[in-house]
């Protein structure tokens, strides 16, 4: 499962020139991978730089699709399933 969206956290006033909190809009992609033991692996990529969104999201997609998880004995933790 994945989620693509925007969030607007606040940059604390002590980090700004005016001393006032400022909104910091950020776009993100979050991917959830449910694991057999009942936990979930969550990966997220976020950026405030929309000019780089295409490049960043492509790199993130490539990273996510390259993940391979294994049990301690070396067997694949998640295997692909195909339906007839």
C-alpha atoms as a PDB file:
ATOM      1  CA  UNK A   1       0.000   0.000   0.000  1.00  0.00           C
ATOM      2  CA  UNK A   2       1.223   3.526  -0.663  1.00  0.00           C
ATOM      3  CA  UNK A   3       0.171   7.076   0.072  1.00  0.00           C
ATOM      4  CA  UNK A   4       1.128  10.245  -1.797  1.00  0.00           C
ATOM      5  CA  UNK A   5       0.276  13.611  -0.315  1.00  0.00           C
ATOM      6  CA  UNK A   6       1.364  16.851   1.261  1.00  0.00           C
ATOM      7  CA  UNK A   7       1.838  17.920   4.831  1.00  0.00           C
ATOM      8  CA  UNK A   8       2.535  21.285   6.380  1.00  0.00           C
ATOM      9  CA  UNK A   9       4.587  20.985   9.553  1.00  0.00           C
ATOM     10  CA  UNK A  10       5.579  24.159  11.384  1.00  0.00           C
ATOM     11  CA  UNK A  11       9.159  25.398  11.443  1.00  0.00           C
ATOM     12  CA  UNK A  12       9.677  26.454  15.114  1.00  0.00           C
ATOM     13  CA  UNK A  13      10.053  30.166  15.793  1.00  0.00           C
ATOM     14  CA  UNK A  14      13.487  29.709  17.352  1.00  0.00           C
ATOM     15  CA  UNK A  15      14.725  28.642  13.903  1.00  0.00           C
ATOM     16  CA  UNK A  16      13.331  31.631  11.997  1.00  0.00           C
ATOM     17  CA  UNK A  17      14.609  35.161  11.615  1.00  0.00           C
ATOM     18  CA  UNK A  18      11.356  36.708  12.872  1.00  0.00           C
ATOM     19  CA  UNK A  19      10.954  34.358  15.841  1.00  0.00           C
ATOM     20  CA  UNK A  20       7.541  33.280  14.544  1.00  0.00           C
ATOM     21  CA  UNK A  21       6.679  29.747  13.492  1.00  0.00           C
ATOM     22  CA  UNK A  22       6.367  29.271   9.741  1.00  0.00           C
ATOM     23  CA  UNK A  23       4.545  26.633   7.716  1.00  0.00           C
ATOM     24  CA  UNK A  24       6.909  24.312   5.844  1.00  0.00           C
ATOM     25  CA  UNK A  25       4.957  22.585   3.035  1.00  0.00           C
ATOM     26  CA  UNK A  26       6.349  19.184   2.078  1.00  0.00           C
ATOM     27  CA  UNK A  27       5.225  16.596  -0.483  1.00  0.00           C
ATOM     28  CA  UNK A  28       5.729  12.934   0.381  1.00  0.00           C
ATOM     29  CA  UNK A  29       5.389   9.344  -0.755  1.00  0.00           C
ATOM     30  CA  UNK A  30       4.923   6.719   1.961  1.00  0.00           C
ATOM     31  CA  UNK A  31       4.982   2.959   1.323  1.00  0.00           C
ATOM     32  CA  UNK A  32       3.681   0.331   3.770  1.00  0.00           C
ATOM     33  CA  UNK A  33       4.875  -3.275   3.493  1.00  0.00           C
ATOM     34  CA  UNK A  34       3.010  -5.655   5.833  1.00  0.00           C
ATOM     35  CA  UNK A  35       5.318  -8.370   7.152  1.00  0.00           C
ATOM     36  CA  UNK A  36       4.345 -11.938   8.087  1.00  0.00           C
ATOM     37  CA  UNK A  37       5.094 -11.352  11.794  1.00  0.00           C
ATOM     38  CA  UNK A  38       2.336  -8.722  12.036  1.00  0.00           C
ATOM     39  CA  UNK A  39       4.596  -5.662  11.860  1.00  0.00           C
ATOM     40  CA  UNK A  40       4.780  -3.201   9.001  1.00  0.00           C
ATOM     41  CA  UNK A  41       7.809  -1.790   7.238  1.00  0.00           C
ATOM     42  CA  UNK A  42       7.230   1.914   6.457  1.00  0.00           C
ATOM     43  CA  UNK A  43       9.398   3.863   4.020  1.00  0.00           C
ATOM     44  CA  UNK A  44       8.922   7.552   3.248  1.00  0.00           C
ATOM     45  CA  UNK A  45      10.467  10.101   0.922  1.00  0.00           C
ATOM     46  CA  UNK A  46       9.605  13.751   1.378  1.00  0.00           C
ATOM     47  CA  UNK A  47      10.770  16.988  -0.198  1.00  0.00           C
ATOM     48  CA  UNK A  48       9.867  20.679  -0.043  1.00  0.00           C
ATOM     49  CA  UNK A  49      11.394  21.036  -3.535  1.00  0.00           C
ATOM     50  CA  UNK A  50       8.675  20.288  -6.066  1.00  0.00           C
ATOM     51  CA  UNK A  51      11.053  21.045  -8.946  1.00  0.00           C
ATOM     52  CA  UNK A  52      12.826  17.789  -8.134  1.00  0.00           C
ATOM     53  CA  UNK A  53       9.677  15.711  -7.498  1.00  0.00           C
ATOM     54  CA  UNK A  54       9.893  13.622 -10.682  1.00  0.00           C
ATOM     55  CA  UNK A  55      13.520  12.694 -10.067  1.00  0.00           C
ATOM     56  CA  UNK A  56      13.047  12.089  -6.318  1.00  0.00           C
ATOM     57  CA  UNK A  57       9.912   9.975  -6.748  1.00  0.00           C
ATOM     58  CA  UNK A  58      11.551   7.876  -9.494  1.00  0.00           C
ATOM     59  CA  UNK A  59      14.596   7.232  -7.295  1.00  0.00           C
ATOM     60  CA  UNK A  60      12.345   6.345  -4.342  1.00  0.00           C
ATOM     61  CA  UNK A  61      10.261   3.989  -6.507  1.00  0.00           C
ATOM     62  CA  UNK A  62      13.423   2.253  -7.712  1.00  0.00           C
ATOM     63  CA  UNK A  63      14.667   1.913  -4.131  1.00  0.00           C
ATOM     64  CA  UNK A  64      11.362   0.482  -2.879  1.00  0.00           C
ATOM     65  CA  UNK A  65      11.098  -1.996  -5.755  1.00  0.00           C
ATOM     66  CA  UNK A  66      14.634  -3.260  -5.098  1.00  0.00           C
ATOM     67  CA  UNK A  67      13.988  -4.286  -1.466  1.00  0.00           C
ATOM     68  CA  UNK A  68      14.455  -7.968  -0.708  1.00  0.00           C
ATOM     69  CA  UNK A  69      13.762  -9.240   2.818  1.00  0.00           C
ATOM     70  CA  UNK A  70      15.071 -12.559   4.157  1.00  0.00           C
ATOM     71  CA  UNK A  71      14.619 -14.704   7.250  1.00  0.00           C
ATOM     72  CA  UNK A  72      17.639 -15.420   9.457  1.00  0.00           C
ATOM     73  CA  UNK A  73      18.030 -18.781   7.685  1.00  0.00           C
ATOM     74  CA  UNK A  74      18.392 -17.040   4.304  1.00  0.00           C
ATOM     75  CA  UNK A  75      14.965 -17.908   2.908  1.00  0.00           C
ATOM     76  CA  UNK A  76      12.922 -15.143   1.295  1.00  0.00           C
ATOM     77  CA  UNK A  77      10.626 -13.440   3.820  1.00  0.00           C
ATOM     78  CA  UNK A  78       8.255 -12.167   1.150  1.00  0.00           C
ATOM     79  CA  UNK A  79       7.723 -13.968  -2.122  1.00  0.00           C
ATOM     80  CA  UNK A  80       5.733 -12.712  -5.076  1.00  0.00           C
ATOM     81  CA  UNK A  81       2.363 -14.257  -5.667  1.00  0.00           C
ATOM     82  CA  UNK A  82       0.742 -14.720  -9.019  1.00  0.00           C
ATOM     83  CA  UNK A  83      -2.885 -15.559  -9.607  1.00  0.00           C
ATOM     84  CA  UNK A  84      -3.833 -17.965 -12.381  1.00  0.00           C
END
